[in-house]
Amino acid sequence: MAHQIEFTAKMKDSYRVVADLNGFEVVMDKPIEVGGENTGNSPGAVLAASIMGCKAMVARYFCEQYKIPLRGIELKIVGDRERSKERGPYRTYHVDLYVDADIDEEMLQKLNTSVERNCTVANIVKGENDVTSAVHRK
């Protein structure tokens, strides 16, 4: 049987969306100047954070598997929109991972390959999975 996940989210009378993810709340909203309450990050920012979190976890797992003592990882993500749009979807993302570990160049390249291949969130964004939706009357 396939493993499934199920989460819930609610939106009331504003753009504020509160998602319940295993008992942890994630709040998303729009800035005040575009009709929101500015009580949370945009869904795009949450997605960017998810990409970074996923890549960091893949890197830690790799280091554990290869017995590489990992002292920490710092990440930076940059997203680029289409040049003609001030708002709209980001078309490209680039993540830099700064790994604090005693790791030689060969293992660093293997780590990079692992991070590129095994981050499921980035794979979804790249279009390697299906994301569908259905709207229903309540």
C-alpha atoms as a PDB file:
ATOM      1  CA  MET A   1       0.000   0.000   0.000  1.00  0.00           C
ATOM      2  CA  ALA A   2       1.275   3.467  -0.883  1.00  0.00           C
ATOM      3  CA  HIS A   3       2.170   5.846   1.908  1.00  0.00           C
ATOM      4  CA  GLN A   4      -0.120   8.856   1.960  1.00  0.00           C
ATOM      5  CA  ILE A   5      -0.055  12.170   3.761  1.00  0.00           C
ATOM      6  CA  GLU A   6      -3.025  14.297   4.660  1.00  0.00           C
ATOM      7  CA  PHE A   7      -2.996  17.822   6.054  1.00  0.00           C
ATOM      8  CA  THR A   8      -5.675  20.464   6.482  1.00  0.00           C
ATOM      9  CA  ALA A   9      -5.807  24.238   6.085  1.00  0.00           C
ATOM     10  CA  LYS A  10      -8.419  26.913   6.711  1.00  0.00           C
ATOM     11  CA  MET A  11      -9.055  30.362   5.278  1.00  0.00           C
ATOM     12  CA  LYS A  12     -11.790  32.547   6.762  1.00  0.00           C
ATOM     13  CA  ASP A  13     -12.602  36.134   5.744  1.00  0.00           C
ATOM     14  CA  SER A  14      -9.136  37.303   4.673  1.00  0.00           C
ATOM     15  CA  TYR A  15      -6.127  35.961   2.763  1.00  0.00           C
ATOM     16  CA  ARG A  16      -4.733  34.398   5.972  1.00  0.00           C
ATOM     17  CA  VAL A  17      -4.384  30.631   5.617  1.00  0.00           C
ATOM     18  CA  VAL A  18      -3.571  28.445   8.606  1.00  0.00           C
ATOM     19  CA  ALA A  19      -2.355  24.956   7.735  1.00  0.00           C
ATOM     20  CA  ASP A  20      -2.231  22.164  10.323  1.00  0.00           C
ATOM     21  CA  LEU A  21       0.759  19.950   9.589  1.00  0.00           C
ATOM     22  CA  ASN A  22       0.921  17.150  12.156  1.00  0.00           C
ATOM     23  CA  GLY A  23      -0.100  19.524  14.935  1.00  0.00           C
ATOM     24  CA  PHE A  24       2.224  22.338  13.833  1.00  0.00           C
ATOM     25  CA  GLU A  25       0.692  25.493  12.405  1.00  0.00           C
ATOM     26  CA  VAL A  26       2.009  27.144   9.273  1.00  0.00           C
ATOM     27  CA  VAL A  27       0.511  30.582   8.664  1.00  0.00           C
ATOM     28  CA  MET A  28       0.486  32.113   5.202  1.00  0.00           C
ATOM     29  CA  ASP A  29      -0.821  35.547   4.303  1.00  0.00           C
ATOM     30  CA  LYS A  30      -0.430  38.468   1.940  1.00  0.00           C
ATOM     31  CA  PRO A  31       1.052  41.854   2.814  1.00  0.00           C
ATOM     32  CA  ILE A  32      -1.363  44.578   3.956  1.00  0.00           C
ATOM     33  CA  GLU A  33      -0.814  46.634   0.786  1.00  0.00           C
ATOM     34  CA  VAL A  34      -2.312  43.850  -1.356  1.00  0.00           C
ATOM     35  CA  GLY A  35      -5.258  43.035   0.908  1.00  0.00           C
ATOM     36  CA  GLY A  36      -3.741  40.685   3.472  1.00  0.00           C
ATOM     37  CA  GLU A  37      -3.050  41.076   7.172  1.00  0.00           C
ATOM     38  CA  ASN A  38       0.712  40.387   6.968  1.00  0.00           C
ATOM     39  CA  THR A  39       0.494  37.685   9.652  1.00  0.00           C
ATOM     40  CA  GLY A  40       2.589  35.104   7.837  1.00  0.00           C
ATOM     41  CA  ASN A  41       4.818  34.435   4.887  1.00  0.00           C
ATOM     42  CA  SER A  42       3.561  34.037   1.349  1.00  0.00           C
ATOM     43  CA  PRO A  43       3.042  30.487   0.073  1.00  0.00           C
ATOM     44  CA  GLY A  44       6.051  31.078  -2.202  1.00  0.00           C
ATOM     45  CA  ALA A  45       8.258  31.884   0.796  1.00  0.00           C
ATOM     46  CA  VAL A  46       7.009  28.761   2.587  1.00  0.00           C
ATOM     47  CA  LEU A  47       7.833  26.745  -0.526  1.00  0.00           C
ATOM     48  CA  ALA A  48      11.353  28.220  -0.647  1.00  0.00           C
ATOM     49  CA  ALA A  49      11.844  27.343   3.028  1.00  0.00           C
ATOM     50  CA  SER A  50      10.600  23.807   2.306  1.00  0.00           C
ATOM     51  CA  ILE A  51      13.134  23.404  -0.490  1.00  0.00           C
ATOM     52  CA  MET A  52      15.941  24.509   1.825  1.00  0.00           C
ATOM     53  CA  GLY A  53      14.745  22.284   4.663  1.00  0.00           C
ATOM     54  CA  CYS A  54      14.519  19.267   2.377  1.00  0.00           C
ATOM     55  CA  LYS A  55      17.980  19.782   0.901  1.00  0.00           C
ATOM     56  CA  ALA A  56      19.494  20.227   4.379  1.00  0.00           C
ATOM     57  CA  MET A  57      17.883  17.006   5.599  1.00  0.00           C
ATOM     58  CA  VAL A  58      19.122  15.084   2.546  1.00  0.00           C
ATOM     59  CA  ALA A  59      22.627  16.423   3.189  1.00  0.00           C
ATOM     60  CA  ARG A  60      22.535  15.396   6.862  1.00  0.00           C
ATOM     61  CA  TYR A  61      21.299  11.906   5.947  1.00  0.00           C
ATOM     62  CA  PHE A  62      24.138  11.561   3.411  1.00  0.00           C
ATOM     63  CA  CYS A  63      26.707  12.599   6.002  1.00  0.00           C
ATOM     64  CA  GLU A  64      25.297  10.113   8.516  1.00  0.00           C
ATOM     65  CA  GLN A  65      25.428   7.301   5.948  1.00  0.00           C
ATOM     66  CA  TYR A  66      29.057   8.042   5.090  1.00  0.00           C
ATOM     67  CA  LYS A  67      30.071   8.695   8.727  1.00  0.00           C
ATOM     68  CA  ILE A  68      31.012  12.305   7.974  1.00  0.00           C
ATOM     69  CA  PRO A  69      30.833  14.380  11.168  1.00  0.00           C
ATOM     70  CA  LEU A  70      28.549  17.290  10.331  1.00  0.00           C
ATOM     71  CA  ARG A  71      28.758  20.371  12.524  1.00  0.00           C
ATOM     72  CA  GLY A  72      26.089  22.286  10.666  1.00  0.00           C
ATOM     73  CA  ILE A  73      24.684  23.532   7.375  1.00  0.00           C
ATOM     74  CA  GLU A  74      23.761  27.060   6.329  1.00  0.00           C
ATOM     75  CA  LEU A  75      21.592  27.561   3.272  1.00  0.00           C
ATOM     76  CA  LYS A  76      20.647  30.403   0.962  1.00  0.00           C
ATOM     77  CA  ILE A  77      17.984  30.239  -1.727  1.00  0.00           C
ATOM     78  CA  VAL A  78      17.483  32.696  -4.576  1.00  0.00           C
ATOM     79  CA  GLY A  79      14.385  32.609  -6.739  1.00  0.00           C
ATOM     80  CA  ASP A  80      14.065  34.454 -10.050  1.00  0.00           C
ATOM     81  CA  ARG A  81      10.775  35.545 -11.568  1.00  0.00           C
ATOM     82  CA  GLU A  82      10.253  36.155 -15.236  1.00  0.00           C
ATOM     83  CA  ARG A  83      11.933  39.482 -15.941  1.00  0.00           C
ATOM     84  CA  SER A  84       8.700  41.054 -17.206  1.00  0.00           C
ATOM     85  CA  LYS A  85       6.728  40.356 -14.019  1.00  0.00           C
ATOM     86  CA  GLU A  86       6.988  42.144 -10.694  1.00  0.00           C
ATOM     87  CA  ARG A  87       4.742  39.504  -9.125  1.00  0.00           C
ATOM     88  CA  GLY A  88       4.063  35.973 -10.208  1.00  0.00           C
ATOM     89  CA  PRO A  89       5.728  32.609  -9.951  1.00  0.00           C
ATOM     90  CA  TYR A  90       9.433  32.125  -9.553  1.00  0.00           C
ATOM     91  CA  ARG A  91      10.752  30.269 -12.595  1.00  0.00           C
ATOM     92  CA  THR A  92      14.107  29.214 -11.187  1.00  0.00           C
ATOM     93  CA  TYR A  93      15.510  28.509  -7.747  1.00  0.00           C
ATOM     94  CA  HIS A  94      19.130  28.101  -6.750  1.00  0.00           C
ATOM     95  CA  VAL A  95      20.176  26.834  -3.330  1.00  0.00           C
ATOM     96  CA  ASP A  96      23.668  27.180  -1.913  1.00  0.00           C
ATOM     97  CA  LEU A  97      24.521  24.848   0.958  1.00  0.00           C
ATOM     98  CA  TYR A  98      27.484  25.707   3.149  1.00  0.00           C
ATOM     99  CA  VAL A  99      28.495  22.497   4.899  1.00  0.00           C
ATOM    100  CA  ASP A 100      30.566  22.694   8.080  1.00  0.00           C
ATOM    101  CA  ALA A 101      32.280  19.299   7.944  1.00  0.00           C
ATOM    102  CA  ASP A 102      35.642  17.730   7.268  1.00  0.00           C
ATOM    103  CA  ILE A 103      34.837  16.517   3.767  1.00  0.00           C
ATOM    104  CA  ASP A 104      37.119  16.079   0.765  1.00  0.00           C
ATOM    105  CA  GLU A 105      36.298  17.276  -2.747  1.00  0.00           C
ATOM    106  CA  GLU A 106      35.219  13.842  -4.018  1.00  0.00           C
ATOM    107  CA  MET A 107      32.717  13.366  -1.188  1.00  0.00           C
ATOM    108  CA  LEU A 108      31.538  16.957  -1.558  1.00  0.00           C
ATOM    109  CA  GLN A 109      30.654  16.224  -5.192  1.00  0.00           C
ATOM    110  CA  LYS A 110      28.841  13.021  -4.169  1.00  0.00           C
ATOM    111  CA  LEU A 111      26.962  15.004  -1.534  1.00  0.00           C
ATOM    112  CA  ASN A 112      25.965  17.579  -4.156  1.00  0.00           C
ATOM    113  CA  THR A 113      24.681  14.829  -6.448  1.00  0.00           C
ATOM    114  CA  SER A 114      22.703  13.275  -3.604  1.00  0.00           C
ATOM    115  CA  VAL A 115      21.148  16.617  -2.653  1.00  0.00           C
ATOM    116  CA  GLU A 116      20.190  17.267  -6.296  1.00  0.00           C
ATOM    117  CA  ARG A 117      18.635  13.825  -6.796  1.00  0.00           C
ATOM    118  CA  ASN A 118      16.953  13.154  -3.454  1.00  0.00           C
ATOM    119  CA  CYS A 119      15.204  16.338  -2.359  1.00  0.00           C
ATOM    120  CA  THR A 120      11.566  15.395  -2.898  1.00  0.00           C
ATOM    121  CA  VAL A 121      10.320  18.971  -2.520  1.00  0.00           C
ATOM    122  CA  ALA A 122      12.638  20.231  -5.265  1.00  0.00           C
ATOM    123  CA  ASN A 123      11.627  17.268  -7.428  1.00  0.00           C
ATOM    124  CA  ILE A 124       7.966  18.276  -7.103  1.00  0.00           C
ATOM    125  CA  VAL A 125       8.808  21.857  -8.063  1.00  0.00           C
ATOM    126  CA  LYS A 126      10.799  20.573 -11.058  1.00  0.00           C
ATOM    127  CA  GLY A 127       7.696  18.765 -12.240  1.00  0.00           C
ATOM    128  CA  GLU A 128       8.697  15.194 -11.532  1.00  0.00           C
ATOM    129  CA  ASN A 129       5.453  14.561  -9.596  1.00  0.00           C
ATOM    130  CA  ASP A 130       1.794  15.363 -10.096  1.00  0.00           C
ATOM    131  CA  VAL A 131       0.050  18.069  -8.086  1.00  0.00           C
ATOM    132  CA  THR A 132      -3.683  18.161  -8.749  1.00  0.00           C
ATOM    133  CA  SER A 133      -6.670  19.827  -7.088  1.00  0.00           C
ATOM    134  CA  ALA A 134     -10.444  19.659  -7.040  1.00  0.00           C
ATOM    135  CA  VAL A 135     -12.861  22.353  -5.854  1.00  0.00           C
ATOM    136  CA  HIS A 136     -15.960  21.179  -3.946  1.00  0.00           C
ATOM    137  CA  ARG A 137     -18.982  22.944  -2.517  1.00  0.00           C
ATOM    138  CA  LYS A 138     -19.120  22.852   1.297  1.00  0.00           C
END
